[in-house]
PDB file of all heavy atoms in Angstrom:
ATOM      1  N   ARG A   1      -1.708 -71.318 -36.269  1.00  0.00           N
ATOM      2  CA  ARG A   1      -2.692 -72.082 -35.613  1.00  0.00           C
ATOM      3  C   ARG A   1      -3.414 -71.367 -34.481  1.00  0.00           C
ATOM      4  O   ARG A   1      -4.567 -71.518 -34.406  1.00  0.00           O
ATOM      5  CB  ARG A   1      -1.909 -73.249 -35.030  1.00  0.00           C
ATOM      6  CG  ARG A   1      -2.723 -74.298 -34.263  1.00  0.00           C
ATOM      7  CD  ARG A   1      -2.033 -75.394 -33.669  1.00  0.00           C
ATOM      8  NE  ARG A   1      -0.867 -74.976 -32.882  1.00  0.00           N
ATOM      9  CZ  ARG A   1      -0.965 -74.562 -31.619  1.00  0.00           C
ATOM     10  NH1 ARG A   1      -2.072 -74.501 -31.008  1.00  0.00           N
ATOM     11  NH2 ARG A   1       0.074 -74.098 -30.993  1.00  0.00           N
ATOM     12  N   LYS A   2      -2.774 -70.594 -33.820  1.00  0.00           N
ATOM     13  CA  LYS A   2      -3.360 -69.821 -32.621  1.00  0.00           C
ATOM     14  C   LYS A   2      -4.297 -68.858 -33.235  1.00  0.00           C
ATOM     15  O   LYS A   2      -5.475 -68.641 -32.680  1.00  0.00           O
ATOM     16  CB  LYS A   2      -2.348 -69.134 -31.766  1.00  0.00           C
ATOM     17  CG  LYS A   2      -1.404 -69.988 -31.088  1.00  0.00           C
ATOM     18  CD  LYS A   2      -0.448 -69.151 -30.256  1.00  0.00           C
ATOM     19  CE  LYS A   2       0.462 -70.105 -29.286  1.00  0.00           C
ATOM     20  NZ  LYS A   2       1.498 -69.405 -28.659  1.00  0.00           N
ATOM     21  N   ALA A   3      -3.998 -68.180 -34.300  1.00  0.00           N
ATOM     22  CA  ALA A   3      -4.915 -67.194 -35.076  1.00  0.00           C
ATOM     23  C   ALA A   3      -6.204 -67.853 -35.490  1.00  0.00           C
ATOM     24  O   ALA A   3      -7.269 -67.325 -35.365  1.00  0.00           O
ATOM     25  CB  ALA A   3      -4.219 -66.506 -36.100  1.00  0.00           C
ATOM     26  N   GLU A   4      -6.112 -69.099 -36.063  1.00  0.00           N
ATOM     27  CA  GLU A   4      -7.175 -69.826 -36.552  1.00  0.00           C
ATOM     28  C   GLU A   4      -8.095 -70.217 -35.312  1.00  0.00           C
ATOM     29  O   GLU A   4      -9.329 -70.134 -35.528  1.00  0.00           O
ATOM     30  CB  GLU A   4      -6.756 -71.083 -37.365  1.00  0.00           C
ATOM     31  CG  GLU A   4      -7.804 -71.905 -37.841  1.00  0.00           C
ATOM     32  CD  GLU A   4      -8.862 -71.185 -38.754  1.00  0.00           C
ATOM     33  OE1 GLU A   4      -8.387 -70.058 -39.440  1.00  0.00           O
ATOM     34  OE2 GLU A   4     -10.047 -71.423 -38.735  1.00  0.00           O
ATOM     35  N   GLU A   5      -7.519 -70.615 -34.265  1.00  0.00           N
ATOM     36  CA  GLU A   5      -8.341 -71.019 -33.052  1.00  0.00           C
ATOM     37  C   GLU A   5      -9.119 -69.716 -32.594  1.00  0.00           C
ATOM     38  O   GLU A   5     -10.288 -69.796 -32.234  1.00  0.00           O
ATOM     39  CB  GLU A   5      -7.506 -71.524 -32.024  1.00  0.00           C
ATOM     40  CG  GLU A   5      -6.909 -72.923 -32.207  1.00  0.00           C
ATOM     41  CD  GLU A   5      -5.737 -73.358 -31.253  1.00  0.00           C
ATOM     42  OE1 GLU A   5      -5.560 -72.435 -30.320  1.00  0.00           O
ATOM     43  OE2 GLU A   5      -5.383 -74.417 -31.265  1.00  0.00           O
ATOM     44  N   ALA A   6      -8.430 -68.546 -32.692  1.00  0.00           N
ATOM     45  CA  ALA A   6      -9.043 -67.357 -32.081  1.00  0.00           C
ATOM     46  C   ALA A   6     -10.228 -66.985 -33.092  1.00  0.00           C
ATOM     47  O   ALA A   6     -11.294 -66.476 -32.700  1.00  0.00           O
ATOM     48  CB  ALA A   6      -8.117 -66.230 -32.113  1.00  0.00           C
ATOM     49  N   ARG A   7      -9.910 -67.118 -34.492  1.00  0.00           N
ATOM     50  CA  ARG A   7     -11.072 -66.769 -35.384  1.00  0.00           C
ATOM     51  C   ARG A   7     -12.234 -67.617 -35.203  1.00  0.00           C
ATOM     52  O   ARG A   7     -13.427 -67.239 -35.329  1.00  0.00           O
ATOM     53  CB  ARG A   7     -10.464 -66.889 -36.890  1.00  0.00           C
ATOM     54  CG  ARG A   7      -9.569 -65.693 -37.276  1.00  0.00           C
ATOM     55  CD  ARG A   7      -9.261 -65.710 -38.794  1.00  0.00           C
ATOM     56  NE  ARG A   7      -8.311 -66.852 -39.065  1.00  0.00           N
ATOM     57  CZ  ARG A   7      -7.060 -66.626 -39.075  1.00  0.00           C
ATOM     58  NH1 ARG A   7      -6.426 -65.529 -38.834  1.00  0.00           N
ATOM     59  NH2 ARG A   7      -6.174 -67.665 -39.544  1.00  0.00           N
ATOM     60  N   GLN A   8     -12.037 -68.981 -34.952  1.00  0.00           N
ATOM     61  CA  GLN A   8     -13.140 -69.804 -34.632  1.00  0.00           C
ATOM     62  C   GLN A   8     -13.930 -69.455 -33.380  1.00  0.00           C
ATOM     63  O   GLN A   8     -15.152 -69.580 -33.487  1.00  0.00           O
ATOM     64  CB  GLN A   8     -12.502 -71.282 -34.428  1.00  0.00           C
ATOM     65  CG  GLN A   8     -13.597 -72.339 -34.298  1.00  0.00           C
ATOM     66  CD  GLN A   8     -14.562 -72.513 -35.506  1.00  0.00           C
ATOM     67  OE1 GLN A   8     -14.147 -72.372 -36.650  1.00  0.00           O
ATOM     68  NE2 GLN A   8     -15.779 -72.672 -35.216  1.00  0.00           N
ATOM     69  N   GLN A   9     -13.210 -69.120 -32.380  1.00  0.00           N
ATOM     70  CA  GLN A   9     -13.916 -68.550 -31.193  1.00  0.00           C
ATOM     71  C   GLN A   9     -14.854 -67.279 -31.516  1.00  0.00           C
ATOM     72  O   GLN A   9     -15.918 -67.231 -31.072  1.00  0.00           O
ATOM     73  CB  GLN A   9     -12.857 -68.203 -30.022  1.00  0.00           C
ATOM     74  CG  GLN A   9     -12.134 -69.495 -29.472  1.00  0.00           C
ATOM     75  CD  GLN A   9     -11.219 -69.252 -28.517  1.00  0.00           C
ATOM     76  OE1 GLN A   9     -10.467 -68.143 -28.576  1.00  0.00           O
ATOM     77  NE2 GLN A   9     -10.964 -70.010 -27.538  1.00  0.00           N
ATOM     78  N   ILE A  10     -14.230 -66.406 -32.163  1.00  0.00           N
ATOM     79  CA  ILE A  10     -14.938 -65.169 -32.529  1.00  0.00           C
ATOM     80  C   ILE A  10     -16.180 -65.634 -33.364  1.00  0.00           C
ATOM     81  O   ILE A  10     -17.249 -64.932 -33.200  1.00  0.00           O
ATOM     82  CB  ILE A  10     -14.194 -64.246 -33.335  1.00  0.00           C
ATOM     83  CG1 ILE A  10     -12.882 -63.740 -32.459  1.00  0.00           C
ATOM     84  CG2 ILE A  10     -14.829 -63.052 -33.946  1.00  0.00           C
ATOM     85  CD1 ILE A  10     -11.820 -62.946 -33.216  1.00  0.00           C
ATOM     86  N   ALA A  11     -16.140 -66.458 -34.285  1.00  0.00           N
ATOM     87  CA  ALA A  11     -17.234 -66.910 -35.047  1.00  0.00           C
ATOM     88  C   ALA A  11     -18.353 -67.545 -34.123  1.00  0.00           C
ATOM     89  O   ALA A  11     -19.605 -67.479 -34.571  1.00  0.00           O
ATOM     90  CB  ALA A  11     -16.729 -67.884 -36.094  1.00  0.00           C
ATOM     91  N   GLU A  12     -17.913 -68.091 -32.988  1.00  0.00           N
ATOM     92  CA  GLU A  12     -18.940 -68.618 -32.009  1.00  0.00           C
ATOM     93  C   GLU A  12     -19.302 -67.712 -31.055  1.00  0.00           C
ATOM     94  O   GLU A  12     -20.091 -68.079 -30.068  1.00  0.00           O
ATOM     95  CB  GLU A  12     -18.210 -69.821 -31.386  1.00  0.00           C
ATOM     96  CG  GLU A  12     -17.976 -71.016 -32.323  1.00  0.00           C
ATOM     97  CD  GLU A  12     -17.153 -72.206 -31.669  1.00  0.00           C
ATOM     98  OE1 GLU A  12     -16.883 -71.989 -30.575  1.00  0.00           O
ATOM     99  OE2 GLU A  12     -16.780 -73.137 -32.336  1.00  0.00           O
ATOM    100  N   GLY A  13     -19.039 -66.442 -31.122  1.00  0.00           N
ATOM    101  CA  GLY A  13     -19.467 -65.339 -30.248  1.00  0.00           C
ATOM    102  C   GLY A  13     -18.658 -65.225 -28.939  1.00  0.00           C
ATOM    103  O   GLY A  13     -19.009 -64.749 -27.960  1.00  0.00           O
ATOM    104  N   ILE A  14     -17.388 -65.952 -29.072  1.00  0.00           N
ATOM    105  CA  ILE A  14     -16.573 -65.893 -27.831  1.00  0.00           C
ATOM    106  C   ILE A  14     -15.413 -64.984 -27.984  1.00  0.00           C
ATOM    107  O   ILE A  14     -14.901 -64.956 -29.167  1.00  0.00           O
ATOM    108  CB  ILE A  14     -15.989 -67.339 -27.643  1.00  0.00           C
ATOM    109  CG1 ILE A  14     -17.118 -68.294 -27.351  1.00  0.00           C
ATOM    110  CG2 ILE A  14     -15.030 -67.374 -26.460  1.00  0.00           C
ATOM    111  CD1 ILE A  14     -16.716 -69.795 -27.405  1.00  0.00           C
ATOM    112  N   ASP A  15     -15.125 -64.105 -27.021  1.00  0.00           N
ATOM    113  CA  ASP A  15     -14.001 -63.122 -27.074  1.00  0.00           C
ATOM    114  C   ASP A  15     -12.695 -64.083 -26.712  1.00  0.00           C
ATOM    115  O   ASP A  15     -12.614 -64.316 -25.410  1.00  0.00           O
ATOM    116  CB  ASP A  15     -14.236 -62.080 -26.123  1.00  0.00           C
ATOM    117  CG  ASP A  15     -13.179 -60.933 -26.108  1.00  0.00           C
ATOM    118  OD1 ASP A  15     -12.144 -61.272 -26.730  1.00  0.00           O
ATOM    119  OD2 ASP A  15     -13.363 -60.040 -25.563  1.00  0.00           O
ATOM    120  N   PRO A  16     -11.845 -64.293 -27.604  1.00  0.00           N
ATOM    121  CA  PRO A  16     -10.636 -64.962 -27.217  1.00  0.00           C
ATOM    122  C   PRO A  16      -9.744 -64.180 -26.203  1.00  0.00           C
ATOM    123  O   PRO A  16      -9.054 -64.903 -25.307  1.00  0.00           O
ATOM    124  CB  PRO A  16      -9.884 -65.142 -28.468  1.00  0.00           C
ATOM    125  CG  PRO A  16     -10.357 -64.062 -29.393  1.00  0.00           C
ATOM    126  CD  PRO A  16     -11.745 -63.875 -29.003  1.00  0.00           C
ATOM    127  N   GLY A  17      -9.805 -62.863 -26.154  1.00  0.00           N
ATOM    128  CA  GLY A  17      -9.007 -62.130 -25.078  1.00  0.00           C
ATOM    129  C   GLY A  17      -9.632 -62.423 -23.721  1.00  0.00           C
ATOM    130  O   GLY A  17      -8.783 -62.516 -22.684  1.00  0.00           O
ATOM    131  N   LYS A  18     -10.875 -62.503 -23.568  1.00  0.00           N
ATOM    132  CA  LYS A  18     -11.705 -62.837 -22.340  1.00  0.00           C
ATOM    133  C   LYS A  18     -11.221 -64.192 -21.795  1.00  0.00           C
ATOM    134  O   LYS A  18     -10.927 -64.448 -20.570  1.00  0.00           O
ATOM    135  CB  LYS A  18     -13.144 -62.682 -22.329  1.00  0.00           C
ATOM    136  CG  LYS A  18     -13.822 -62.846 -21.215  1.00  0.00           C
ATOM    137  CD  LYS A  18     -15.372 -62.594 -21.298  1.00  0.00           C
ATOM    138  CE  LYS A  18     -16.115 -62.805 -20.041  1.00  0.00           C
ATOM    139  NZ  LYS A  18     -17.499 -62.526 -20.286  1.00  0.00           N
ATOM    140  N   ILE A  19     -11.256 -65.137 -22.857  1.00  0.00           N
ATOM    141  CA  ILE A  19     -10.732 -66.519 -22.422  1.00  0.00           C
ATOM    142  C   ILE A  19      -9.343 -66.507 -21.921  1.00  0.00           C
ATOM    143  O   ILE A  19      -8.981 -67.204 -20.964  1.00  0.00           O
ATOM    144  CB  ILE A  19     -10.944 -67.483 -23.605  1.00  0.00           C
ATOM    145  CG1 ILE A  19     -12.365 -67.581 -24.141  1.00  0.00           C
ATOM    146  CG2 ILE A  19     -10.328 -68.860 -23.354  1.00  0.00           C
ATOM    147  CD1 ILE A  19     -13.286 -68.073 -22.988  1.00  0.00           C
ATOM    148  N   ARG A  20      -8.488 -65.695 -22.619  1.00  0.00           N
ATOM    149  CA  ARG A  20      -7.122 -65.681 -22.176  1.00  0.00           C
ATOM    150  C   ARG A  20      -6.897 -65.112 -20.839  1.00  0.00           C
ATOM    151  O   ARG A  20      -6.101 -65.682 -19.920  1.00  0.00           O
ATOM    152  CB  ARG A  20      -6.293 -64.771 -23.188  1.00  0.00           C
ATOM    153  CG  ARG A  20      -4.955 -64.420 -22.799  1.00  0.00           C
ATOM    154  CD  ARG A  20      -3.899 -65.467 -23.109  1.00  0.00           C
ATOM    155  NE  ARG A  20      -3.743 -65.844 -24.507  1.00  0.00           N
ATOM    156  CZ  ARG A  20      -2.957 -65.012 -25.440  1.00  0.00           C
ATOM    157  NH1 ARG A  20      -2.277 -64.136 -24.929  1.00  0.00           N
ATOM    158  NH2 ARG A  20      -2.853 -65.375 -26.765  1.00  0.00           N
ATOM    159  N   ARG A  21      -7.619 -64.098 -20.441  1.00  0.00           N
ATOM    160  CA  ARG A  21      -7.584 -63.492 -19.101  1.00  0.00           C
ATOM    161  C   ARG A  21      -8.107 -64.421 -18.070  1.00  0.00           C
ATOM    162  O   ARG A  21      -7.576 -64.499 -17.011  1.00  0.00           O
ATOM    163  CB  ARG A  21      -8.376 -62.196 -19.129  1.00  0.00           C
ATOM    164  CG  ARG A  21      -7.776 -61.089 -20.044  1.00  0.00           C
ATOM    165  CD  ARG A  21      -8.416 -59.794 -19.671  1.00  0.00           C
ATOM    166  NE  ARG A  21      -9.842 -59.704 -20.191  1.00  0.00           N
ATOM    167  CZ  ARG A  21     -10.229 -59.382 -21.539  1.00  0.00           C
ATOM    168  NH1 ARG A  21      -9.209 -59.133 -22.386  1.00  0.00           N
ATOM    169  NH2 ARG A  21     -11.555 -59.407 -21.766  1.00  0.00           N
ATOM    170  N   GLN A  22      -9.150 -65.142 -18.408  1.00  0.00           N
ATOM    171  CA  GLN A  22      -9.726 -66.160 -17.474  1.00  0.00           C
ATOM    172  C   GLN A  22      -8.686 -67.283 -17.182  1.00  0.00           C
ATOM    173  O   GLN A  22      -8.582 -67.636 -16.016  1.00  0.00           O
ATOM    174  CB  GLN A  22     -11.069 -66.664 -17.949  1.00  0.00           C
ATOM    175  CG  GLN A  22     -12.225 -65.722 -18.020  1.00  0.00           C
ATOM    176  CD  GLN A  22     -13.475 -66.312 -18.553  1.00  0.00           C
ATOM    177  OE1 GLN A  22     -13.418 -67.382 -19.373  1.00  0.00           O
ATOM    178  NE2 GLN A  22     -14.599 -65.643 -18.402  1.00  0.00           N
ATOM    179  N   GLU A  23      -8.064 -67.781 -18.278  1.00  0.00           N
ATOM    180  CA  GLU A  23      -7.059 -68.735 -18.095  1.00  0.00           C
ATOM    181  C   GLU A  23      -5.783 -68.273 -17.254  1.00  0.00           C
ATOM    182  O   GLU A  23      -5.360 -69.000 -16.365  1.00  0.00           O
ATOM    183  CB  GLU A  23      -6.443 -69.196 -19.455  1.00  0.00           C
ATOM    184  CG  GLU A  23      -7.488 -70.019 -20.236  1.00  0.00           C
ATOM    185  CD  GLU A  23      -7.123 -70.394 -21.615  1.00  0.00           C
ATOM    186  OE1 GLU A  23      -6.032 -69.785 -22.139  1.00  0.00           O
ATOM    187  OE2 GLU A  23      -7.813 -71.172 -22.278  1.00  0.00           O
ATOM    188  N   LYS A  24      -5.468 -67.031 -17.422  1.00  0.00           N
ATOM    189  CA  LYS A  24      -4.312 -66.448 -16.739  1.00  0.00           C
ATOM    190  C   LYS A  24      -4.768 -66.276 -15.256  1.00  0.00           C
ATOM    191  O   LYS A  24      -3.932 -66.570 -14.330  1.00  0.00           O
ATOM    192  CB  LYS A  24      -4.003 -65.022 -17.277  1.00  0.00           C
ATOM    193  CG  LYS A  24      -2.782 -64.392 -16.657  1.00  0.00           C
ATOM    194  CD  LYS A  24      -2.553 -63.111 -17.365  1.00  0.00           C
ATOM    195  CE  LYS A  24      -1.412 -62.352 -16.661  1.00  0.00           C
ATOM    196  NZ  LYS A  24      -1.025 -61.071 -17.315  1.00  0.00           N
ATOM    197  N   ALA A  25      -5.968 -65.858 -14.992  1.00  0.00           N
ATOM    198  CA  ALA A  25      -6.456 -65.678 -13.662  1.00  0.00           C
ATOM    199  C   ALA A  25      -6.542 -66.978 -12.809  1.00  0.00           C
ATOM    200  O   ALA A  25      -6.108 -67.107 -11.636  1.00  0.00           O
ATOM    201  CB  ALA A  25      -7.858 -64.960 -13.644  1.00  0.00           C
ATOM    202  N   ALA A  26      -6.983 -68.059 -13.656  1.00  0.00           N
ATOM    203  CA  ALA A  26      -7.007 -69.415 -13.120  1.00  0.00           C
ATOM    204  C   ALA A  26      -5.658 -69.952 -12.690  1.00  0.00           C
ATOM    205  O   ALA A  26      -5.463 -70.542 -11.707  1.00  0.00           O
ATOM    206  CB  ALA A  26      -7.664 -70.347 -14.008  1.00  0.00           C
ATOM    207  N   LYS A  27      -4.699 -69.645 -13.574  1.00  0.00           N
ATOM    208  CA  LYS A  27      -3.251 -70.089 -13.229  1.00  0.00           C
ATOM    209  C   LYS A  27      -2.843 -69.353 -12.009  1.00  0.00           C
ATOM    210  O   LYS A  27      -2.107 -69.938 -11.112  1.00  0.00           O
ATOM    211  CB  LYS A  27      -2.344 -69.739 -14.452  1.00  0.00           C
ATOM    212  CG  LYS A  27      -2.685 -70.746 -15.617  1.00  0.00           C
ATOM    213  CD  LYS A  27      -1.779 -70.491 -16.703  1.00  0.00           C
ATOM    214  CE  LYS A  27      -1.888 -71.423 -17.894  1.00  0.00           C
ATOM    215  NZ  LYS A  27      -1.133 -71.044 -19.073  1.00  0.00           N
ATOM    216  N   GLN A  28      -3.032 -67.993 -12.000  1.00  0.00           N
ATOM    217  CA  GLN A  28      -2.526 -67.266 -10.856  1.00  0.00           C
ATOM    218  C   GLN A  28      -3.205 -67.759  -9.550  1.00  0.00           C
ATOM    219  O   GLN A  28      -2.592 -67.868  -8.473  1.00  0.00           O
ATOM    220  CB  GLN A  28      -2.874 -65.776 -10.997  1.00  0.00           C
ATOM    221  CG  GLN A  28      -1.998 -65.123 -12.205  1.00  0.00           C
ATOM    222  CD  GLN A  28      -2.423 -63.671 -12.397  1.00  0.00           C
ATOM    223  OE1 GLN A  28      -3.466 -63.235 -12.124  1.00  0.00           O
ATOM    224  NE2 GLN A  28      -1.485 -62.892 -12.970  1.00  0.00           N
ATOM    225  N   LEU A  29      -4.604 -68.030  -9.660  1.00  0.00           N
ATOM    226  CA  LEU A  29      -5.300 -68.451  -8.440  1.00  0.00           C
ATOM    227  C   LEU A  29      -4.769 -69.883  -8.028  1.00  0.00           C
ATOM    228  O   LEU A  29      -4.673 -70.115  -6.811  1.00  0.00           O
ATOM    229  CB  LEU A  29      -6.729 -68.671  -8.855  1.00  0.00           C
ATOM    230  CG  LEU A  29      -7.718 -69.098  -7.689  1.00  0.00           C
ATOM    231  CD1 LEU A  29      -7.681 -68.123  -6.476  1.00  0.00           C
ATOM    232  CD2 LEU A  29      -9.162 -69.271  -8.148  1.00  0.00           C
ATOM    233  N   ALA A  30      -4.464 -70.793  -8.960  1.00  0.00           N
ATOM    234  CA  ALA A  30      -3.901 -72.018  -8.664  1.00  0.00           C
ATOM    235  C   ALA A  30      -2.523 -71.895  -7.943  1.00  0.00           C
ATOM    236  O   ALA A  30      -2.401 -72.657  -6.910  1.00  0.00           O
ATOM    237  CB  ALA A  30      -3.770 -72.877  -9.914  1.00  0.00           C
ATOM    238  N   LYS A  31      -1.796 -70.937  -8.369  1.00  0.00           N
ATOM    239  CA  LYS A  31      -0.512 -70.718  -7.809  1.00  0.00           C
ATOM    240  C   LYS A  31      -0.642 -70.173  -6.433  1.00  0.00           C
ATOM    241  O   LYS A  31       0.017 -70.681  -5.419  1.00  0.00           O
ATOM    242  CB  LYS A  31       0.354 -69.846  -8.617  1.00  0.00           C
ATOM    243  CG  LYS A  31       1.789 -69.537  -8.163  1.00  0.00           C
ATOM    244  CD  LYS A  31       2.600 -68.741  -9.215  1.00  0.00           C
ATOM    245  CE  LYS A  31       3.975 -68.481  -8.614  1.00  0.00           C
ATOM    246  NZ  LYS A  31       4.733 -67.616  -9.580  1.00  0.00           N
ATOM    247  N   GLN A  32      -1.529 -69.261  -6.305  1.00  0.00           N
ATOM    248  CA  GLN A  32      -1.871 -68.760  -4.958  1.00  0.00           C
ATOM    249  C   GLN A  32      -2.325 -69.775  -3.934  1.00  0.00           C
ATOM    250  O   GLN A  32      -1.900 -69.816  -2.760  1.00  0.00           O
ATOM    251  CB  GLN A  32      -2.881 -67.621  -4.979  1.00  0.00           C
ATOM    252  CG  GLN A  32      -2.336 -66.271  -5.390  1.00  0.00           C
ATOM    253  CD  GLN A  32      -3.479 -65.183  -5.410  1.00  0.00           C
ATOM    254  OE1 GLN A  32      -4.348 -65.239  -6.225  1.00  0.00           O
ATOM    255  NE2 GLN A  32      -3.479 -64.394  -4.353  1.00  0.00           N
ATOM    256  N   ASN A  33      -3.185 -70.599  -4.443  1.00  0.00           N
ATOM    257  CA  ASN A  33      -3.764 -71.727  -3.573  1.00  0.00           C
ATOM    258  C   ASN A  33      -2.712 -72.841  -3.081  1.00  0.00           C
ATOM    259  O   ASN A  33      -2.734 -73.200  -2.108  1.00  0.00           O
ATOM    260  CB  ASN A  33      -4.967 -72.340  -4.259  1.00  0.00           C
ATOM    261  CG  ASN A  33      -6.137 -71.479  -4.289  1.00  0.00           C
ATOM    262  OD1 ASN A  33      -6.343 -70.715  -3.345  1.00  0.00           O
ATOM    263  ND2 ASN A  33      -7.001 -71.601  -5.257  1.00  0.00           N
ATOM    264  N   GLN A  34      -1.671 -72.918  -4.014  1.00  0.00           N
ATOM    265  CA  GLN A  34      -0.650 -73.908  -3.704  1.00  0.00           C
ATOM    266  C   GLN A  34       0.101 -73.380  -2.484  1.00  0.00           C
ATOM    267  O   GLN A  34       0.439 -74.086  -1.423  1.00  0.00           O
ATOM    268  CB  GLN A  34       0.224 -74.074  -4.866  1.00  0.00           C
ATOM    269  CG  GLN A  34      -0.337 -75.096  -5.878  1.00  0.00           C
ATOM    270  CD  GLN A  34       0.679 -75.227  -7.049  1.00  0.00           C
ATOM    271  OE1 GLN A  34       1.782 -74.563  -7.197  1.00  0.00           O
ATOM    272  NE2 GLN A  34       0.309 -76.092  -8.045  1.00  0.00           N
ATOM    273  N   GLY A  35       0.398 -71.999  -2.570  1.00  0.00           N
ATOM    274  CA  GLY A  35       1.042 -71.427  -1.379  1.00  0.00           C
ATOM    275  C   GLY A  35       0.130 -71.422  -0.186  1.00  0.00           C
ATOM    276  O   GLY A  35       0.702 -71.594   0.907  1.00  0.00           O
ATOM    277  N   ARG A  36      -1.073 -71.130  -0.333  1.00  0.00           N
ATOM    278  CA  ARG A  36      -2.036 -71.104   0.815  1.00  0.00           C
ATOM    279  C   ARG A  36      -2.127 -72.421   1.517  1.00  0.00           C
ATOM    280  O   ARG A  36      -2.107 -72.560   2.772  1.00  0.00           O
ATOM    281  CB  ARG A  36      -3.412 -70.604   0.485  1.00  0.00           C
ATOM    282  CG  ARG A  36      -3.430 -69.080   0.058  1.00  0.00           C
ATOM    283  CD  ARG A  36      -4.750 -68.616  -0.394  1.00  0.00           C
ATOM    284  NE  ARG A  36      -5.825 -68.864   0.621  1.00  0.00           N
ATOM    285  CZ  ARG A  36      -6.103 -67.894   1.511  1.00  0.00           C
ATOM    286  NH1 ARG A  36      -5.457 -66.719   1.437  1.00  0.00           N
ATOM    287  NH2 ARG A  36      -7.048 -68.074   2.412  1.00  0.00           N
ATOM    288  N   GLN A  37      -2.250 -73.551   0.714  1.00  0.00           N
ATOM    289  CA  GLN A  37      -2.262 -74.820   1.220  1.00  0.00           C
ATOM    290  C   GLN A  37      -0.989 -75.255   2.013  1.00  0.00           C
ATOM    291  O   GLN A  37      -1.095 -75.924   3.081  1.00  0.00           O
ATOM    292  CB  GLN A  37      -2.537 -75.841   0.139  1.00  0.00           C
ATOM    293  CG  GLN A  37      -4.027 -75.766  -0.353  1.00  0.00           C
ATOM    294  CD  GLN A  37      -4.299 -76.740  -1.566  1.00  0.00           C
ATOM    295  OE1 GLN A  37      -3.557 -76.773  -2.400  1.00  0.00           O
ATOM    296  NE2 GLN A  37      -5.266 -77.492  -1.213  1.00  0.00           N
ATOM    297  N   LYS A  38       0.104 -74.782   1.497  1.00  0.00           N
ATOM    298  CA  LYS A  38       1.415 -75.035   2.286  1.00  0.00           C
ATOM    299  C   LYS A  38       1.378 -74.373   3.572  1.00  0.00           C
ATOM    300  O   LYS A  38       1.965 -74.927   4.503  1.00  0.00           O
ATOM    301  CB  LYS A  38       2.598 -74.543   1.388  1.00  0.00           C
ATOM    302  CG  LYS A  38       2.918 -75.400   0.134  1.00  0.00           C
ATOM    303  CD  LYS A  38       4.134 -74.997  -0.608  1.00  0.00           C
ATOM    304  CE  LYS A  38       4.416 -75.776  -1.791  1.00  0.00           C
ATOM    305  NZ  LYS A  38       5.527 -75.247  -2.545  1.00  0.00           N
ATOM    306  N   GLU A  39       0.804 -73.145   3.698  1.00  0.00           N
ATOM    307  CA  GLU A  39       0.686 -72.464   5.021  1.00  0.00           C
ATOM    308  C   GLU A  39      -0.484 -72.895   5.817  1.00  0.00           C
ATOM    309  O   GLU A  39      -0.832 -72.343   6.892  1.00  0.00           O
ATOM    310  CB  GLU A  39       0.498 -70.973   4.585  1.00  0.00           C
ATOM    311  CG  GLU A  39       1.761 -70.354   3.851  1.00  0.00           C
ATOM    312  CD  GLU A  39       1.564 -68.956   3.562  1.00  0.00           C
ATOM    313  OE1 GLU A  39       0.489 -68.251   3.971  1.00  0.00           O
ATOM    314  OE2 GLU A  39       2.328 -68.422   2.784  1.00  0.00           O
TER     315      GLU A  39
END
């Protein structure tokens, strides 16, 4: 299922690896911001 989603993104001109990195960065940022808000 994940492979099919990735193939669909590639067909639409989207790099699934870039999307993965952006999602990872967003999660890291959200985690950082939770800590910053506590401080």
